Amino acid sequence: MFLNYNPSFDHSIFQTTKDLTINTDKSPNTGLCWIPKPLEDTENWKYIQQLRLMHQKGVRSPPHIHFLFPFVTECYFEQAFQLLSEKLKDFPSFEITFSSFNKFNQNSSNCIIYLEPDKEAKVKFKELYKKIEECFPYCKKKVSYEPHMTVGFFKKEEVELKKKQILEKWKPITVKIEEISMIYRPLDNAPFSIVYKIPLLVAKESLLPKQ
């Protein structure tokens, strides 16, 4: 179940957030990501989820952009939440616009189509990722971090046509990134659930009621 799991290791030593930074265990049943709020342009996210269910195997989560996956094992979630809350308390919330789809190669015969953030939001996501990975260096990605929302997997010969067809039904959307989520599933084939939400710094004007 656990990656890098050492059964002889005493996990009880991780009682503080400082201890958590020297942990090396991580689990494929946890993750740290941004998930769109359910009431933000529901039709668009329903469309993305339909595509994901059609073109990905074993979808067990809502649309999302990952920061870390695998993430720390769930028994350390409370400490991880405390660590992230302190680390990100001054990181300002920001807007992200989704208006285009892009692709990258998965292997010699397949590509991944993904919903692409705008350039400014990409920079903010990377800045946020850098702060996050400082807390959990053992979860750091082996390749450079590129924020994206995976839509599905396609054959190379069909990917351009599919990308065009998907874009035709998409309506550009701008939403705010005000929190990130720690997610968990009890089993490999179980759906993910949000356990903790870590807030970012929200501008005062965003807290005012709409006129």
C-alpha atoms as a PDB file:
ATOM      1  CA  MET A   1       0.000   0.000   0.000  1.00  0.00           C
ATOM      2  CA  PHE A   2       2.743   2.485   0.920  1.00  0.00           C
ATOM      3  CA  LEU A   3       5.613   3.514  -1.327  1.00  0.00           C
ATOM      4  CA  ASN A   4       9.018   3.304   0.345  1.00  0.00           C
ATOM      5  CA  TYR A   5       7.287   1.619   3.277  1.00  0.00           C
ATOM      6  CA  ASN A   6       9.584   0.221   5.945  1.00  0.00           C
ATOM      7  CA  PRO A   7       7.640  -2.015   8.376  1.00  0.00           C
ATOM      8  CA  SER A   8      10.424  -1.874  10.949  1.00  0.00           C
ATOM      9  CA  PHE A   9      10.363   1.928  11.055  1.00  0.00           C
ATOM     10  CA  ASP A  10       8.677   3.562  14.042  1.00  0.00           C
ATOM     11  CA  HIS A  11       6.131   5.955  12.499  1.00  0.00           C
ATOM     12  CA  SER A  12       5.071   7.194  15.928  1.00  0.00           C
ATOM     13  CA  ILE A  13       8.021   9.611  15.979  1.00  0.00           C
ATOM     14  CA  PHE A  14       6.148  11.989  13.646  1.00  0.00           C
ATOM     15  CA  GLN A  15       4.348  14.033  16.270  1.00  0.00           C
ATOM     16  CA  THR A  16       5.132  17.550  14.974  1.00  0.00           C
ATOM     17  CA  THR A  17       5.202  19.374  11.660  1.00  0.00           C
ATOM     18  CA  LYS A  18       8.985  19.607  11.914  1.00  0.00           C
ATOM     19  CA  ASP A  19       9.225  15.836  12.194  1.00  0.00           C
ATOM     20  CA  LEU A  20       7.058  15.489   9.092  1.00  0.00           C
ATOM     21  CA  THR A  21       9.652  17.217   6.913  1.00  0.00           C
ATOM     22  CA  ILE A  22      12.070  14.310   7.445  1.00  0.00           C
ATOM     23  CA  ASN A  23       9.471  11.659   6.645  1.00  0.00           C
ATOM     24  CA  THR A  24      10.084   9.565   3.502  1.00  0.00           C
ATOM     25  CA  ASP A  25       6.828   7.590   3.303  1.00  0.00           C
ATOM     26  CA  LYS A  26       4.260   8.465   0.659  1.00  0.00           C
ATOM     27  CA  SER A  27       1.098   6.792  -0.537  1.00  0.00           C
ATOM     28  CA  PRO A  28      -0.657   6.350  -3.928  1.00  0.00           C
ATOM     29  CA  ASN A  29      -3.937   6.756  -2.045  1.00  0.00           C
ATOM     30  CA  THR A  30      -3.355  10.402  -1.143  1.00  0.00           C
ATOM     31  CA  GLY A  31      -2.791  13.582  -3.102  1.00  0.00           C
ATOM     32  CA  LEU A  32      -2.511  17.350  -2.902  1.00  0.00           C
ATOM     33  CA  CYS A  33      -4.362  19.247  -5.611  1.00  0.00           C
ATOM     34  CA  TRP A  34      -6.655  22.065  -6.670  1.00  0.00           C
ATOM     35  CA  ILE A  35     -10.276  21.063  -7.307  1.00  0.00           C
ATOM     36  CA  PRO A  36     -12.816  23.449  -8.874  1.00  0.00           C
ATOM     37  CA  LYS A  37     -15.644  24.460  -6.592  1.00  0.00           C
ATOM     38  CA  PRO A  38     -18.861  22.597  -7.502  1.00  0.00           C
ATOM     39  CA  LEU A  39     -20.898  25.756  -8.121  1.00  0.00           C
ATOM     40  CA  GLU A  40     -18.369  27.384 -10.458  1.00  0.00           C
ATOM     41  CA  ASP A  41     -19.646  26.895 -14.021  1.00  0.00           C
ATOM     42  CA  THR A  42     -21.142  23.487 -13.379  1.00  0.00           C
ATOM     43  CA  GLU A  43     -21.791  22.683 -17.052  1.00  0.00           C
ATOM     44  CA  ASN A  44     -18.150  23.129 -18.016  1.00  0.00           C
ATOM     45  CA  TRP A  45     -16.917  20.825 -15.262  1.00  0.00           C
ATOM     46  CA  LYS A  46     -19.594  18.256 -16.073  1.00  0.00           C
ATOM     47  CA  TYR A  47     -18.304  18.277 -19.642  1.00  0.00           C
ATOM     48  CA  ILE A  48     -14.709  17.741 -18.486  1.00  0.00           C
ATOM     49  CA  GLN A  49     -15.739  14.929 -16.172  1.00  0.00           C
ATOM     50  CA  GLN A  50     -17.670  13.228 -18.984  1.00  0.00           C
ATOM     51  CA  LEU A  51     -14.562  13.373 -21.165  1.00  0.00           C
ATOM     52  CA  ARG A  52     -12.415  11.993 -18.348  1.00  0.00           C
ATOM     53  CA  LEU A  53     -14.789   9.084 -17.784  1.00  0.00           C
ATOM     54  CA  MET A  54     -14.791   8.305 -21.517  1.00  0.00           C
ATOM     55  CA  HIS A  55     -11.063   8.617 -22.136  1.00  0.00           C
ATOM     56  CA  GLN A  56      -9.388   7.593 -18.861  1.00  0.00           C
ATOM     57  CA  LYS A  57      -9.467   4.283 -17.041  1.00  0.00           C
ATOM     58  CA  GLY A  58     -10.539   4.137 -13.418  1.00  0.00           C
ATOM     59  CA  VAL A  59     -11.448   7.784 -12.834  1.00  0.00           C
ATOM     60  CA  ARG A  60     -12.033   8.136  -9.082  1.00  0.00           C
ATOM     61  CA  SER A  61     -11.771  11.877  -8.558  1.00  0.00           C
ATOM     62  CA  PRO A  62     -13.353  15.120  -9.790  1.00  0.00           C
ATOM     63  CA  PRO A  63     -11.488  17.333 -12.286  1.00  0.00           C
ATOM     64  CA  HIS A  64      -8.320  18.628 -10.648  1.00  0.00           C
ATOM     65  CA  ILE A  65      -4.771  19.928 -11.061  1.00  0.00           C
ATOM     66  CA  HIS A  66      -2.257  17.984  -9.010  1.00  0.00           C
ATOM     67  CA  PHE A  67       0.578  19.431  -6.995  1.00  0.00           C
ATOM     68  CA  LEU A  68       1.819  16.211  -5.365  1.00  0.00           C
ATOM     69  CA  PHE A  69       0.824  12.625  -6.103  1.00  0.00           C
ATOM     70  CA  PRO A  70       1.686  10.345  -4.342  1.00  0.00           C
ATOM     71  CA  PHE A  71       1.496  12.414  -1.163  1.00  0.00           C
ATOM     72  CA  VAL A  72       2.157  11.761   2.542  1.00  0.00           C
ATOM     73  CA  THR A  73       0.342   8.815   4.091  1.00  0.00           C
ATOM     74  CA  GLU A  74      -3.032   9.702   5.590  1.00  0.00           C
ATOM     75  CA  CYS A  75      -1.886   9.150   9.191  1.00  0.00           C
ATOM     76  CA  TYR A  76       0.190  12.349   8.824  1.00  0.00           C
ATOM     77  CA  PHE A  77      -2.596  14.471   7.332  1.00  0.00           C
ATOM     78  CA  GLU A  78      -3.205  16.598  10.423  1.00  0.00           C
ATOM     79  CA  GLN A  79       0.470  17.534  10.685  1.00  0.00           C
ATOM     80  CA  ALA A  80       0.652  18.126   6.918  1.00  0.00           C
ATOM     81  CA  PHE A  81      -2.381  20.407   7.112  1.00  0.00           C
ATOM     82  CA  GLN A  82      -0.754  22.448   9.889  1.00  0.00           C
ATOM     83  CA  LEU A  83       2.507  22.662   7.957  1.00  0.00           C
ATOM     84  CA  LEU A  84       0.826  23.783   4.718  1.00  0.00           C
ATOM     85  CA  SER A  85      -1.520  26.235   6.443  1.00  0.00           C
ATOM     86  CA  GLU A  86       1.444  28.051   7.967  1.00  0.00           C
ATOM     87  CA  LYS A  87       3.523  27.891   4.782  1.00  0.00           C
ATOM     88  CA  LEU A  88       0.796  29.237   2.497  1.00  0.00           C
ATOM     89  CA  LYS A  89      -0.984  31.702   4.775  1.00  0.00           C
ATOM     90  CA  ASP A  90       0.586  34.677   2.934  1.00  0.00           C
ATOM     91  CA  PHE A  91       0.379  33.247  -0.573  1.00  0.00           C
ATOM     92  CA  PRO A  92      -2.254  35.338  -2.380  1.00  0.00           C
ATOM     93  CA  SER A  93      -5.188  33.716  -4.147  1.00  0.00           C
ATOM     94  CA  PHE A  94      -5.227  34.206  -7.910  1.00  0.00           C
ATOM     95  CA  GLU A  95      -7.376  33.775 -11.001  1.00  0.00           C
ATOM     96  CA  ILE A  96      -7.017  31.117 -13.656  1.00  0.00           C
ATOM     97  CA  THR A  97      -8.514  31.149 -17.141  1.00  0.00           C
ATOM     98  CA  PHE A  98      -9.119  27.967 -19.111  1.00  0.00           C
ATOM     99  CA  SER A  99      -9.639  28.744 -22.787  1.00  0.00           C
ATOM    100  CA  SER A 100      -7.575  26.139 -24.641  1.00  0.00           C
ATOM    101  CA  PHE A 101      -6.545  22.489 -24.733  1.00  0.00           C
ATOM    102  CA  ASN A 102      -3.083  21.155 -25.401  1.00  0.00           C
ATOM    103  CA  LYS A 103      -1.319  17.799 -25.618  1.00  0.00           C
ATOM    104  CA  PHE A 104       1.890  16.038 -24.680  1.00  0.00           C
ATOM    105  CA  ASN A 105       3.253  12.635 -25.558  1.00  0.00           C
ATOM    106  CA  GLN A 106       2.592   9.763 -23.194  1.00  0.00           C
ATOM    107  CA  ASN A 107       4.620   7.254 -25.212  1.00  0.00           C
ATOM    108  CA  SER A 108       5.448   6.472 -28.846  1.00  0.00           C
ATOM    109  CA  SER A 109       1.815   5.812 -29.805  1.00  0.00           C
ATOM    110  CA  ASN A 110      -0.356   7.770 -27.333  1.00  0.00           C
ATOM    111  CA  CYS A 111      -0.890  11.386 -26.284  1.00  0.00           C
ATOM    112  CA  ILE A 112      -2.567  13.092 -23.360  1.00  0.00           C
ATOM    113  CA  ILE A 113      -4.973  15.946 -24.004  1.00  0.00           C
ATOM    114  CA  TYR A 114      -5.260  18.407 -21.159  1.00  0.00           C
ATOM    115  CA  LEU A 115      -7.056  21.612 -20.250  1.00  0.00           C
ATOM    116  CA  GLU A 116      -4.400  24.300 -20.182  1.00  0.00           C
ATOM    117  CA  PRO A 117      -4.203  27.192 -17.684  1.00  0.00           C
ATOM    118  CA  ASP A 118      -3.385  30.679 -18.969  1.00  0.00           C
ATOM    119  CA  LYS A 119       0.270  31.788 -18.845  1.00  0.00           C
ATOM    120  CA  GLU A 120      -0.040  34.014 -15.767  1.00  0.00           C
ATOM    121  CA  ALA A 121      -1.815  31.294 -13.805  1.00  0.00           C
ATOM    122  CA  LYS A 122       0.872  28.776 -14.803  1.00  0.00           C
ATOM    123  CA  VAL A 123       3.496  31.023 -13.229  1.00  0.00           C
ATOM    124  CA  LYS A 124       1.438  31.280 -10.024  1.00  0.00           C
ATOM    125  CA  PHE A 125       0.897  27.513  -9.906  1.00  0.00           C
ATOM    126  CA  LYS A 126       4.647  26.943 -10.223  1.00  0.00           C
ATOM    127  CA  GLU A 127       5.367  29.456  -7.458  1.00  0.00           C
ATOM    128  CA  LEU A 128       2.823  27.691  -5.262  1.00  0.00           C
ATOM    129  CA  TYR A 129       4.288  24.288  -6.104  1.00  0.00           C
ATOM    130  CA  LYS A 130       7.778  25.497  -5.120  1.00  0.00           C
ATOM    131  CA  LYS A 131       6.525  26.471  -1.664  1.00  0.00           C
ATOM    132  CA  ILE A 132       4.714  23.159  -1.284  1.00  0.00           C
ATOM    133  CA  GLU A 133       7.660  20.995  -2.269  1.00  0.00           C
ATOM    134  CA  GLU A 134       9.825  22.757   0.320  1.00  0.00           C
ATOM    135  CA  CYS A 135       7.569  21.151   2.937  1.00  0.00           C
ATOM    136  CA  PHE A 136       7.671  17.680   1.391  1.00  0.00           C
ATOM    137  CA  PRO A 137      10.954  17.245  -0.538  1.00  0.00           C
ATOM    138  CA  TYR A 138      10.487  13.462  -0.657  1.00  0.00           C
ATOM    139  CA  CYS A 139       7.301  13.957  -2.718  1.00  0.00           C
ATOM    140  CA  LYS A 140       9.026  16.192  -5.278  1.00  0.00           C
ATOM    141  CA  LYS A 141       8.347  15.350  -8.905  1.00  0.00           C
ATOM    142  CA  LYS A 142      11.202  13.818 -10.898  1.00  0.00           C
ATOM    143  CA  VAL A 143      10.369  16.007 -13.889  1.00  0.00           C
ATOM    144  CA  SER A 144       9.670  19.738 -14.006  1.00  0.00           C
ATOM    145  CA  TYR A 145       6.234  20.684 -12.721  1.00  0.00           C
ATOM    146  CA  GLU A 146       3.753  21.688 -15.432  1.00  0.00           C
ATOM    147  CA  PRO A 147       0.255  22.459 -14.127  1.00  0.00           C
ATOM    148  CA  HIS A 148      -2.471  20.879 -16.261  1.00  0.00           C
ATOM    149  CA  MET A 149      -5.866  19.188 -15.996  1.00  0.00           C
ATOM    150  CA  THR A 150      -5.779  15.830 -17.758  1.00  0.00           C
ATOM    151  CA  VAL A 151      -8.764  15.172 -20.011  1.00  0.00           C
ATOM    152  CA  GLY A 152      -7.886  11.812 -21.529  1.00  0.00           C
ATOM    153  CA  PHE A 153      -5.571   9.523 -23.457  1.00  0.00           C
ATOM    154  CA  PHE A 154      -5.692   9.325 -27.253  1.00  0.00           C
ATOM    155  CA  LYS A 155      -3.892   7.711 -30.180  1.00  0.00           C
ATOM    156  CA  LYS A 156      -1.395  10.047 -31.829  1.00  0.00           C
ATOM    157  CA  GLU A 157      -3.091   9.804 -35.201  1.00  0.00           C
ATOM    158  CA  GLU A 158      -6.408  11.059 -33.777  1.00  0.00           C
ATOM    159  CA  VAL A 159      -5.252  13.554 -31.180  1.00  0.00           C
ATOM    160  CA  GLU A 160      -5.459  16.742 -33.284  1.00  0.00           C
ATOM    161  CA  LEU A 161      -8.993  15.974 -34.445  1.00  0.00           C
ATOM    162  CA  LYS A 162     -10.090  15.079 -30.899  1.00  0.00           C
ATOM    163  CA  LYS A 163      -8.543  18.233 -29.509  1.00  0.00           C
ATOM    164  CA  LYS A 164     -10.436  20.337 -32.065  1.00  0.00           C
ATOM    165  CA  GLN A 165     -13.721  18.544 -31.312  1.00  0.00           C
ATOM    166  CA  ILE A 166     -13.298  19.009 -27.567  1.00  0.00           C
ATOM    167  CA  LEU A 167     -12.506  22.713 -27.927  1.00  0.00           C
ATOM    168  CA  GLU A 168     -15.617  23.311 -30.062  1.00  0.00           C
ATOM    169  CA  LYS A 169     -17.844  22.447 -27.094  1.00  0.00           C
ATOM    170  CA  TRP A 170     -15.799  24.308 -24.483  1.00  0.00           C
ATOM    171  CA  LYS A 171     -16.717  27.744 -23.153  1.00  0.00           C
ATOM    172  CA  PRO A 172     -13.735  29.695 -21.717  1.00  0.00           C
ATOM    173  CA  ILE A 173     -13.966  30.061 -17.972  1.00  0.00           C
ATOM    174  CA  THR A 174     -12.149  32.137 -15.332  1.00  0.00           C
ATOM    175  CA  VAL A 175     -12.213  31.028 -11.689  1.00  0.00           C
ATOM    176  CA  LYS A 176     -10.341  31.884  -8.511  1.00  0.00           C
ATOM    177  CA  ILE A 177      -7.771  29.663  -6.854  1.00  0.00           C
ATOM    178  CA  GLU A 178      -8.490  30.280  -3.166  1.00  0.00           C
ATOM    179  CA  GLU A 179      -7.692  26.901  -1.633  1.00  0.00           C
ATOM    180  CA  ILE A 180      -6.007  23.589  -2.292  1.00  0.00           C
ATOM    181  CA  SER A 181      -7.177  20.162  -1.130  1.00  0.00           C
ATOM    182  CA  MET A 182      -5.673  17.135   0.549  1.00  0.00           C
ATOM    183  CA  ILE A 183      -7.446  14.035  -0.789  1.00  0.00           C
ATOM    184  CA  TYR A 184      -7.558  10.397   0.324  1.00  0.00           C
ATOM    185  CA  ARG A 185      -9.017   7.028  -0.701  1.00  0.00           C
ATOM    186  CA  PRO A 186      -9.038   3.983   1.596  1.00  0.00           C
ATOM    187  CA  LEU A 187      -8.401   1.503  -1.249  1.00  0.00           C
ATOM    188  CA  ASP A 188      -6.884   1.659  -4.716  1.00  0.00           C
ATOM    189  CA  ASN A 189     -10.297   1.208  -6.359  1.00  0.00           C
ATOM    190  CA  ALA A 190     -12.183   3.589  -4.054  1.00  0.00           C
ATOM    191  CA  PRO A 191     -13.117   7.190  -4.928  1.00  0.00           C
ATOM    192  CA  PHE A 192     -11.040  10.037  -3.507  1.00  0.00           C
ATOM    193  CA  SER A 193     -12.538  12.317  -0.853  1.00  0.00           C
ATOM    194  CA  ILE A 194     -11.402  15.752   0.310  1.00  0.00           C
ATOM    195  CA  VAL A 195     -10.076  15.550   3.870  1.00  0.00           C
ATOM    196  CA  TYR A 196      -8.580  19.023   4.369  1.00  0.00           C
ATOM    197  CA  LYS A 197      -8.761  22.314   2.478  1.00  0.00           C
ATOM    198  CA  ILE A 198      -5.826  24.708   2.857  1.00  0.00           C
ATOM    199  CA  PRO A 199      -6.845  28.339   2.246  1.00  0.00           C
ATOM    200  CA  LEU A 200      -4.717  30.867   0.396  1.00  0.00           C
ATOM    201  CA  LEU A 201      -4.638  34.554   1.293  1.00  0.00           C
ATOM    202  CA  VAL A 202      -7.849  36.070  -0.062  1.00  0.00           C
ATOM    203  CA  ALA A 203      -7.924  39.775  -0.972  1.00  0.00           C
ATOM    204  CA  LYS A 204     -10.266  41.842   1.220  1.00  0.00           C
ATOM    205  CA  GLU A 205     -12.390  42.868  -1.768  1.00  0.00           C
ATOM    206  CA  SER A 206     -13.089  39.209  -2.493  1.00  0.00           C
ATOM    207  CA  LEU A 207     -14.699  38.858   0.930  1.00  0.00           C
ATOM    208  CA  LEU A 208     -17.204  41.659   0.338  1.00  0.00           C
ATOM    209  CA  PRO A 209     -20.762  40.615  -0.530  1.00  0.00           C
ATOM    210  CA  LYS A 210     -21.729  40.955  -4.198  1.00  0.00           C
ATOM    211  CA  GLN A 211     -23.940  43.966  -4.974  1.00  0.00           C
END
